[in-house]
């Protein structure tokens, strides 16, 4: 079901929010938290990779992958390839971001997987990986039969959107968790860093909302299926 707005117009707002969110999380990690590093005496620099990679890599690129299929006025095979590659990069960066959190915890003597944020995070990345692998096999290579692809299409779209919405919600939960730790450690609850973290979470949620709105909007092109390929589109929801 599509709402009566053009997907291309919605994406302009989504792209702007993505840029703002990326700048905010980088500014927070570098200016307030000291920078980014994979190897460092200060283990907090290792953890700083986690929010940056999860937001820019997983949330933003994952959202752009969804947007690309619905809003780009390109031929279906090209859109499919862009969709596939962006999701693959998002998944790889998401795994790297989770590894950064584990590395920080292990080197700092902090227990792993004790919070709701971490539990949901493992679930989301696992679901995302499952979605990508089976979609690659069924829709890309070697490719399932037309009947199989047509039958799985709505489930592919619905499961992918569910995983993405869950990822955005968990990102907001992660901002809350980190800010709570910082405030318990003495950070001013009404200081500039606290406001920056909260607004970063809000912008992230707004970006996710516009990604979902893009899914529900009218596609700029409605080209007929190529050969025997089903109409692979989020509008199938």
Protein backbone atom coordinates (compact mmCIF):
# COMPACT_ATOMS: atom_id res chain seq x y z
CA UNK A 1 0.00 0.00 0.00
CA UNK A 2 1.47 3.35 -1.05
CA UNK A 3 0.74 6.75 0.41
CA UNK A 4 0.10 9.64 -1.95
CA UNK A 5 3.56 11.18 -2.00
CA UNK A 6 6.52 10.61 -4.30
CA UNK A 7 9.30 8.48 -2.84
CA UNK A 8 12.01 10.59 -4.49
CA UNK A 9 10.88 13.72 -2.62
CA UNK A 10 10.88 11.90 0.72
CA UNK A 11 14.43 10.67 0.16
CA UNK A 12 15.83 14.21 0.08
CA UNK A 13 14.78 14.66 3.71
CA UNK A 14 16.10 11.19 4.59
CA UNK A 15 19.49 11.94 3.02
CA UNK A 16 19.74 15.25 4.89
CA UNK A 17 18.92 13.52 8.19
CA UNK A 18 21.53 10.84 7.42
CA UNK A 19 24.23 13.47 6.94
CA UNK A 20 23.23 15.28 10.13
CA UNK A 21 23.21 12.05 12.15
CA UNK A 22 26.63 11.03 10.80
CA UNK A 23 28.14 14.42 11.63
CA UNK A 24 26.65 14.38 15.12
CA UNK A 25 27.94 10.91 16.06
CA UNK A 26 31.39 11.69 14.67
CA UNK A 27 31.51 15.03 16.49
CA UNK A 28 30.46 13.33 19.72
CA UNK A 29 33.00 10.52 19.41
CA UNK A 30 35.91 12.74 18.41
CA UNK A 31 35.32 16.04 20.21
CA UNK A 32 33.71 14.79 23.42
CA UNK A 33 34.92 11.18 23.73
CA UNK A 34 38.51 11.59 22.55
CA UNK A 35 38.57 9.96 19.12
CA UNK A 36 38.53 6.55 17.48
CA UNK A 37 41.04 3.69 17.59
CA UNK A 38 41.20 -0.08 17.19
CA UNK A 39 44.32 -0.38 19.38
CA UNK A 40 44.78 2.08 22.24
CA UNK A 41 45.77 2.34 25.88
CA UNK A 42 42.56 4.25 26.44
CA UNK A 43 40.01 1.50 25.82
CA UNK A 44 37.22 4.04 25.50
CA UNK A 45 38.63 4.97 22.09
CA UNK A 46 38.00 1.41 20.95
CA UNK A 47 34.42 1.57 22.14
CA UNK A 48 33.92 4.85 20.28
CA UNK A 49 34.08 2.85 17.05
CA UNK A 50 30.89 1.08 18.08
CA UNK A 51 28.37 3.95 17.82
CA UNK A 52 30.08 5.34 14.71
CA UNK A 53 30.09 2.04 12.81
CA UNK A 54 26.62 1.03 13.95
CA UNK A 55 25.02 4.34 13.06
CA UNK A 56 26.88 5.26 9.86
CA UNK A 57 27.55 1.72 8.69
CA UNK A 58 24.54 -0.25 9.83
CA UNK A 59 21.68 2.20 10.28
CA UNK A 60 22.44 4.81 7.61
CA UNK A 61 23.78 2.52 4.87
CA UNK A 62 21.10 -0.03 5.68
CA UNK A 63 18.48 2.67 5.29
CA UNK A 64 20.05 3.89 2.07
CA UNK A 65 19.92 0.33 0.75
CA UNK A 66 16.17 0.26 1.34
CA UNK A 67 15.73 3.72 -0.14
CA UNK A 68 17.81 2.86 -3.21
CA UNK A 69 15.49 0.10 -4.32
CA UNK A 70 12.32 2.12 -3.91
CA UNK A 71 13.36 5.60 -5.00
CA UNK A 72 16.11 5.35 -7.61
CA UNK A 73 14.73 5.80 -11.16
CA UNK A 74 16.94 3.02 -12.53
CA UNK A 75 16.42 -0.32 -14.21
CA UNK A 76 15.49 -3.16 -11.89
CA UNK A 77 18.77 -5.16 -12.21
CA UNK A 78 20.80 -2.05 -11.37
CA UNK A 79 18.65 -1.23 -8.37
CA UNK A 80 18.86 -4.82 -7.19
CA UNK A 81 22.66 -4.77 -7.33
CA UNK A 82 22.89 -1.44 -5.48
CA UNK A 83 20.41 -2.74 -2.88
CA UNK A 84 22.45 -5.91 -2.41
CA UNK A 85 25.86 -4.22 -2.17
CA UNK A 86 24.74 -1.50 0.25
CA UNK A 87 23.18 -4.09 2.53
CA UNK A 88 26.38 -6.15 2.38
CA UNK A 89 28.50 -3.14 3.37
CA UNK A 90 26.03 -2.25 6.14
CA UNK A 91 26.18 -5.81 7.48
CA UNK A 92 30.00 -5.90 7.38
CA UNK A 93 30.33 -2.56 9.19
CA UNK A 94 27.67 -3.63 11.70
CA UNK A 95 29.65 -6.78 12.52
CA UNK A 96 32.80 -4.68 12.87
CA UNK A 97 30.97 -2.32 15.20
CA UNK A 98 29.83 -5.19 17.41
CA UNK A 99 33.37 -6.59 17.44
CA UNK A 100 34.60 -3.18 18.64
CA UNK A 101 32.20 -3.34 21.60
CA UNK A 102 33.32 -6.88 22.48
CA UNK A 103 36.99 -5.88 22.15
CA UNK A 104 36.49 -2.90 24.44
CA UNK A 105 34.69 -5.00 27.03
CA UNK A 106 37.22 -7.84 26.92
CA UNK A 107 40.23 -5.53 27.25
CA UNK A 108 38.55 -3.47 29.98
CA UNK A 109 37.29 -6.38 32.06
CA UNK A 110 33.64 -5.52 31.40
CA UNK A 111 31.09 -8.38 31.08
CA UNK A 112 29.56 -8.94 27.64
CA UNK A 113 25.91 -9.33 26.70
CA UNK A 114 24.36 -8.26 30.00
CA UNK A 115 22.07 -5.48 28.72
CA UNK A 116 18.85 -5.44 26.71
CA UNK A 117 20.63 -3.30 24.09
CA UNK A 118 23.26 -5.99 23.56
CA UNK A 119 20.71 -8.81 23.42
CA UNK A 120 18.60 -7.02 20.83
CA UNK A 121 21.76 -6.05 18.93
CA UNK A 122 22.88 -9.67 18.54
CA UNK A 123 19.37 -10.62 17.47
CA UNK A 124 19.18 -7.83 14.90
CA UNK A 125 22.59 -8.53 13.33
CA UNK A 126 21.78 -12.25 13.16
CA UNK A 127 18.42 -11.58 11.53
CA UNK A 128 20.02 -9.10 9.13
CA UNK A 129 22.67 -11.67 8.13
CA UNK A 130 20.06 -14.39 7.64
CA UNK A 131 17.95 -12.03 5.53
CA UNK A 132 20.91 -11.09 3.34
CA UNK A 133 22.13 -14.65 2.77
CA UNK A 134 18.78 -16.18 1.87
CA UNK A 135 17.87 -13.15 -0.27
CA UNK A 136 21.16 -13.43 -2.16
CA UNK A 137 20.47 -17.10 -2.89
CA UNK A 138 16.81 -16.69 -3.83
CA UNK A 139 16.76 -13.31 -5.59
CA UNK A 140 20.29 -12.93 -6.94
CA UNK A 141 22.43 -16.07 -7.34
CA UNK A 142 21.73 -18.77 -8.24
CA UNK A 143 18.16 -17.49 -7.99
CA UNK A 144 14.97 -19.33 -7.22
CA UNK A 145 12.12 -20.12 -9.55
CA UNK A 146 9.64 -17.33 -10.40
CA UNK A 147 7.02 -18.94 -8.15
CA UNK A 148 9.46 -19.19 -5.25
CA UNK A 149 10.56 -15.57 -5.62
CA UNK A 150 6.99 -14.35 -5.92
CA UNK A 151 6.01 -16.28 -2.81
CA UNK A 152 8.96 -15.07 -0.74
CA UNK A 153 8.84 -11.47 -1.94
CA UNK A 154 6.36 -10.13 0.63
CA UNK A 155 8.16 -11.97 3.43
CA UNK A 156 11.51 -10.62 2.27
CA UNK A 157 10.20 -7.05 2.31
CA UNK A 158 8.37 -7.40 5.61
CA UNK A 159 11.21 -9.19 7.41
CA UNK A 160 13.77 -6.68 6.12
CA UNK A 161 11.69 -3.72 7.23
CA UNK A 162 11.07 -5.33 10.63
CA UNK A 163 14.82 -5.88 11.14
CA UNK A 164 15.56 -2.31 10.15
CA UNK A 165 12.95 -0.77 12.46
CA UNK A 166 14.27 -2.94 15.29
CA UNK A 167 17.81 -1.77 14.52
CA UNK A 168 16.78 1.91 14.69
CA UNK A 169 14.98 1.35 17.98
CA UNK A 170 17.99 -0.45 19.40
CA UNK A 171 20.28 2.38 18.30
CA UNK A 172 18.16 4.79 20.33
CA UNK A 173 18.37 2.36 23.25
CA UNK A 174 22.15 2.33 22.86
CA UNK A 175 22.36 6.12 23.01
CA UNK A 176 20.26 6.03 26.19
CA UNK A 177 22.41 3.32 27.76
CA UNK A 178 25.70 5.10 27.05
CA UNK A 179 24.37 8.46 28.22
CA UNK A 180 23.09 6.86 31.44
CA UNK A 181 26.55 5.42 32.14
CA UNK A 182 28.16 8.80 31.47
CA UNK A 183 25.70 10.65 33.70
CA UNK A 184 26.22 8.11 36.48
CA UNK A 185 29.93 8.87 36.11
CA UNK A 186 29.38 12.57 36.68
CA UNK A 187 28.41 13.97 33.27
CA UNK A 188 26.21 17.07 33.53
CA UNK A 189 22.65 15.94 32.76
CA UNK A 190 21.91 19.33 31.20
CA UNK A 191 25.32 19.81 29.58
CA UNK A 192 26.09 20.12 25.89
CA UNK A 193 27.21 16.49 25.52
CA UNK A 194 24.01 15.15 27.03
CA UNK A 195 21.95 17.28 24.65
CA UNK A 196 24.10 16.18 21.71
CA UNK A 197 23.55 12.50 22.50
CA UNK A 198 19.81 12.93 22.94
CA UNK A 199 19.44 14.90 19.72
CA UNK A 200 21.55 12.31 17.88
CA UNK A 201 19.08 9.66 18.97
CA UNK A 202 16.14 11.80 17.84
CA UNK A 203 17.69 12.45 14.42
CA UNK A 204 18.39 8.71 14.07
CA UNK A 205 14.75 7.90 14.79
CA UNK A 206 13.60 10.55 12.31
CA UNK A 207 15.89 9.11 9.64
CA UNK A 208 14.41 5.66 10.26
CA UNK A 209 10.92 7.12 10.04
CA UNK A 210 11.65 8.68 6.65
CA UNK A 211 13.12 5.41 5.41
CA UNK A 212 9.84 3.70 6.32
CA UNK A 213 7.91 6.56 4.72
CA UNK A 214 9.93 6.07 1.53
CA UNK A 215 8.88 2.43 1.54
CA UNK A 216 5.24 3.49 1.73
CA UNK A 217 5.50 6.25 -0.88
CA UNK A 218 4.87 6.01 -4.61
CA UNK A 219 7.81 4.76 -6.63
CA UNK A 220 9.12 7.23 -9.25
CA UNK A 221 9.01 4.47 -11.84
CA UNK A 222 6.78 1.49 -12.25
CA UNK A 223 8.53 -0.44 -14.98
CA UNK A 224 7.09 -3.87 -15.75
CA UNK A 225 8.93 -6.99 -14.60
CA UNK A 226 11.90 -8.05 -16.72
CA UNK A 227 11.53 -11.53 -18.24
CA UNK A 228 10.14 -13.85 -15.58
CA UNK A 229 11.33 -11.85 -12.56
CA UNK A 230 8.62 -10.89 -10.07
CA UNK A 231 8.01 -7.28 -9.17
CA UNK A 232 10.57 -7.03 -6.37
CA UNK A 233 9.45 -3.94 -4.49
CA UNK A 234 8.73 -2.88 -0.92
CA UNK A 235 5.30 -1.80 -2.10
CA UNK A 236 4.46 -5.51 -1.97
CA UNK A 237 3.90 -5.00 1.75
